[in-house]
Amino acid sequence: YIVSGHGGPDVGAQGSRSGNTLCEDEYAYDVALRLHRLLISHGAIAYMIVRDANDGIRDEAFLACDKDETVWGERTIPYVQKERLQQRCDVINNMMEKYLNAGIAEQTFVEIHVDSRSKHAQTDVFFYYRPEDVTSQALARRLQRVFMNKYYQAQGGRQFSGTVTPRYLYMLRETYVPRAVYIELGNIRNDWDQQRLVLRN
């Protein structure tokens, strides 16, 4: 179950680059689509919980901001944040229960966001897991190790400083999928971190 953060009436955090506005929900959605495609190519059954009928994977640097996303089942995304989050949790929990009843225990929930901090705060990709949940923590640490190795290979040994920490986030708390992780892709306001989002390579 892949959830890209925000969407619909909530574009999330915003950054600015070359006179263009970067909306968190668009970049989180694009990365989520790429993850979805990769998982399917490896034989996974994967669900995009937030959906945008007219936005597929886009290679242009600046993704147009819009508010037409829906949630699985073509549900309109509520304006109120708690209702918006609970809607996603309900969809995921219902699907999870259906698959558990069919004997499929190996299920994973991934939520993707882009953080917003001071413009001067450069950050690597970082991960949150459910507090006191060893399965969630193990997934977050495994992903962190993969990122560290990829950074080392691709960037000449540059150190990776992305963190793994527990956090009582609503989506982690109210979903019951056995493995869960919440990923922040970087600071949408920082010039260096923006490259992770806008450059195709």
Protein backbone atom coordinates (compact mmCIF):
# COMPACT_ATOMS: atom_id res chain seq x y z
CA TYR A 1 0.00 0.00 0.00
CA ILE A 2 1.68 3.18 -1.20
CA VAL A 3 0.44 6.56 -0.01
CA SER A 4 1.81 9.78 -1.41
CA GLY A 5 1.35 12.55 1.13
CA HIS A 6 -1.31 15.25 0.94
CA GLY A 7 -3.29 15.65 -2.30
CA GLY A 8 -6.71 16.99 -3.19
CA PRO A 9 -7.34 20.24 -1.28
CA ASP A 10 -3.94 20.00 0.45
CA VAL A 11 -0.84 20.46 -1.73
CA GLY A 12 1.43 20.07 1.30
CA ALA A 13 4.73 21.89 1.68
CA GLN A 14 5.88 24.25 -1.06
CA GLY A 15 9.24 25.30 -2.39
CA SER A 16 10.35 27.69 -5.10
CA ARG A 17 12.91 27.08 -7.85
CA SER A 18 13.64 29.15 -10.97
CA GLY A 19 10.37 31.00 -10.55
CA ASN A 20 8.38 27.76 -10.27
CA THR A 21 6.39 26.52 -7.28
CA LEU A 22 7.18 22.99 -6.13
CA CYS A 23 4.18 21.33 -4.46
CA GLU A 24 4.93 18.47 -2.12
CA ASP A 25 1.96 16.34 -3.17
CA GLU A 26 3.04 16.33 -6.85
CA TYR A 27 6.61 15.21 -6.18
CA ALA A 28 5.61 12.67 -3.54
CA TYR A 29 3.07 11.28 -6.01
CA ASP A 30 5.63 11.05 -8.81
CA VAL A 31 8.10 9.17 -6.60
CA ALA A 32 5.27 6.92 -5.35
CA LEU A 33 4.34 6.05 -8.95
CA ARG A 34 7.94 5.13 -9.71
CA LEU A 35 8.07 2.94 -6.60
CA HIS A 36 4.77 1.35 -7.62
CA ARG A 37 6.12 0.54 -11.09
CA LEU A 38 9.30 -0.94 -9.62
CA LEU A 39 7.41 -3.13 -7.15
CA ILE A 40 5.13 -4.47 -9.88
CA SER A 41 8.17 -5.24 -12.05
CA HIS A 42 9.35 -7.48 -9.19
CA GLY A 43 6.03 -9.33 -8.98
CA ALA A 44 4.42 -7.46 -6.11
CA ILE A 45 0.75 -6.65 -5.85
CA ALA A 46 0.84 -2.91 -5.18
CA TYR A 47 -1.85 -0.30 -4.60
CA MET A 48 -1.60 3.46 -5.06
CA ILE A 49 -3.99 4.75 -2.41
CA VAL A 50 -3.86 8.40 -3.56
CA ARG A 51 -4.54 8.62 -7.29
CA ASP A 52 -4.53 11.26 -10.02
CA ALA A 53 -6.27 10.19 -13.21
CA ASN A 54 -4.42 12.68 -15.43
CA ASP A 55 -0.93 12.56 -13.89
CA GLY A 56 1.34 9.64 -14.68
CA ILE A 57 5.10 9.48 -14.24
CA ARG A 58 6.47 12.81 -15.43
CA ASP A 59 10.08 13.50 -16.33
CA GLU A 60 9.84 17.29 -16.53
CA ALA A 61 11.51 19.18 -13.71
CA PHE A 62 8.56 21.32 -12.70
CA LEU A 63 5.33 19.46 -12.04
CA ALA A 64 2.13 21.48 -12.28
CA CYS A 65 0.32 21.87 -8.97
CA ASP A 66 -3.32 20.77 -8.97
CA LYS A 67 -5.97 19.59 -6.52
CA ASP A 68 -7.73 16.83 -8.44
CA GLU A 69 -6.34 13.78 -6.67
CA THR A 70 -8.71 11.16 -5.25
CA VAL A 71 -8.37 8.18 -2.93
CA TRP A 72 -8.75 4.55 -4.02
CA GLY A 73 -12.30 3.94 -5.21
CA GLU A 74 -12.49 7.46 -6.71
CA ARG A 75 -13.33 8.92 -3.31
CA THR A 76 -13.12 12.69 -3.01
CA ILE A 77 -10.40 13.75 -0.58
CA PRO A 78 -11.91 15.61 2.42
CA TYR A 79 -10.86 19.15 3.27
CA VAL A 80 -10.42 18.46 7.01
CA GLN A 81 -7.02 16.87 7.70
CA LYS A 82 -8.13 14.26 10.25
CA GLU A 83 -10.94 13.10 7.94
CA ARG A 84 -8.47 12.99 5.06
CA LEU A 85 -6.04 10.79 6.97
CA GLN A 86 -8.73 8.53 8.40
CA GLN A 87 -10.17 7.98 4.92
CA ARG A 88 -6.80 6.58 3.80
CA CYS A 89 -6.41 4.47 6.93
CA ASP A 90 -9.87 2.95 6.42
CA VAL A 91 -9.09 2.04 2.80
CA ILE A 92 -5.76 0.44 3.75
CA ASN A 93 -7.13 -1.42 6.79
CA ASN A 94 -10.08 -2.82 4.82
CA MET A 95 -7.84 -4.04 2.00
CA MET A 96 -5.35 -5.48 4.48
CA GLU A 97 -8.11 -7.41 6.24
CA LYS A 98 -9.35 -8.81 2.93
CA TYR A 99 -5.87 -10.09 2.06
CA LEU A 100 -5.26 -11.47 5.56
CA ASN A 101 -8.49 -13.45 5.26
CA ALA A 102 -7.18 -14.79 1.94
CA GLY A 103 -4.03 -16.01 3.70
CA ILE A 104 -1.66 -13.23 2.62
CA ALA A 105 0.20 -12.13 5.72
CA GLU A 106 3.17 -10.39 4.08
CA GLN A 107 1.86 -6.86 3.64
CA THR A 108 3.66 -3.50 3.70
CA PHE A 109 2.57 0.12 3.96
CA VAL A 110 4.81 2.93 2.66
CA GLU A 111 3.99 6.64 2.94
CA ILE A 112 6.05 9.18 1.00
CA HIS A 113 6.40 12.88 1.81
CA VAL A 114 8.74 15.80 1.17
CA ASP A 115 9.74 17.71 4.29
CA SER A 116 9.77 21.49 4.74
CA ARG A 117 12.35 23.21 6.91
CA SER A 118 14.41 26.37 6.87
CA LYS A 119 15.77 26.97 3.38
CA HIS A 120 19.30 26.52 4.72
CA ALA A 121 18.57 23.06 6.17
CA GLN A 122 19.86 20.42 3.78
CA THR A 123 18.79 16.90 4.72
CA ASP A 124 19.06 13.39 3.34
CA VAL A 125 16.12 11.03 2.95
CA PHE A 126 14.91 10.01 6.41
CA PHE A 127 12.53 7.45 7.83
CA TYR A 128 9.94 7.16 10.61
CA TYR A 129 8.61 3.93 12.09
CA ARG A 130 5.91 2.99 14.59
CA PRO A 131 7.23 3.34 18.15
CA GLU A 132 7.70 0.01 19.93
CA ASP A 133 7.10 -1.86 16.64
CA VAL A 134 10.15 -3.98 15.81
CA THR A 135 8.80 -4.94 12.37
CA SER A 136 8.26 -1.32 11.36
CA GLN A 137 11.66 -0.35 12.77
CA ALA A 138 13.39 -3.19 10.90
CA LEU A 139 11.89 -2.05 7.59
CA ALA A 140 12.97 1.55 8.16
CA ARG A 141 16.52 0.48 9.07
CA ARG A 142 16.74 -1.82 6.05
CA LEU A 143 15.70 1.01 3.72
CA GLN A 144 18.23 3.32 5.36
CA ARG A 145 21.01 0.76 4.75
CA VAL A 146 20.05 0.47 1.08
CA PHE A 147 20.18 4.26 0.73
CA MET A 148 23.58 4.38 2.44
CA ASN A 149 24.98 1.78 0.04
CA LYS A 150 23.50 3.49 -3.02
CA TYR A 151 24.89 6.85 -1.94
CA TYR A 152 28.31 5.31 -1.51
CA GLN A 153 28.20 3.73 -4.98
CA ALA A 154 26.70 6.67 -6.86
CA GLN A 155 28.30 9.62 -5.12
CA GLY A 156 31.89 8.62 -4.59
CA GLY A 157 31.65 7.69 -0.95
CA ARG A 158 29.62 10.72 0.19
CA GLN A 159 28.30 10.04 3.66
CA PHE A 160 24.57 9.49 4.05
CA SER A 161 23.04 11.16 7.10
CA GLY A 162 19.39 10.13 6.76
CA THR A 163 17.95 9.15 10.12
CA VAL A 164 15.59 6.45 11.40
CA THR A 165 13.38 7.52 14.30
CA PRO A 166 10.11 6.47 15.96
CA ARG A 167 7.18 8.82 15.65
CA TYR A 168 3.50 8.69 16.55
CA LEU A 169 2.23 9.90 13.18
CA TYR A 170 -1.48 9.43 12.51
CA MET A 171 -1.04 7.16 9.49
CA LEU A 172 1.44 4.92 11.31
CA ARG A 173 -0.75 4.79 14.40
CA GLU A 174 -4.11 4.14 12.72
CA THR A 175 -3.09 1.59 10.06
CA TYR A 176 -2.56 -2.03 11.01
CA VAL A 177 -0.46 -3.32 8.12
CA PRO A 178 2.32 -5.42 9.71
CA ARG A 179 5.23 -3.56 8.09
CA ALA A 180 5.00 0.23 7.85
CA VAL A 181 7.39 3.07 7.09
CA TYR A 182 7.02 6.81 6.54
CA ILE A 183 9.62 8.39 4.26
CA GLU A 184 10.63 12.04 3.93
CA LEU A 185 12.52 12.69 0.67
CA GLY A 186 14.31 15.88 1.74
CA ASN A 187 13.66 19.58 2.29
CA ILE A 188 11.50 21.00 -0.49
CA ARG A 189 12.83 24.51 0.28
CA ASN A 190 16.54 23.67 0.03
CA ASP A 191 18.29 24.13 -3.35
CA TRP A 192 20.41 20.98 -2.98
CA ASP A 193 17.55 18.78 -1.82
CA GLN A 194 15.35 20.08 -4.62
CA GLN A 195 17.72 18.50 -7.13
CA ARG A 196 16.67 15.10 -5.76
CA LEU A 197 13.16 15.96 -6.92
CA VAL A 198 13.53 17.95 -10.13
CA LEU A 199 16.49 16.30 -11.91
CA ARG A 200 15.48 13.20 -13.82
CA ASN A 201 18.72 11.35 -13.02
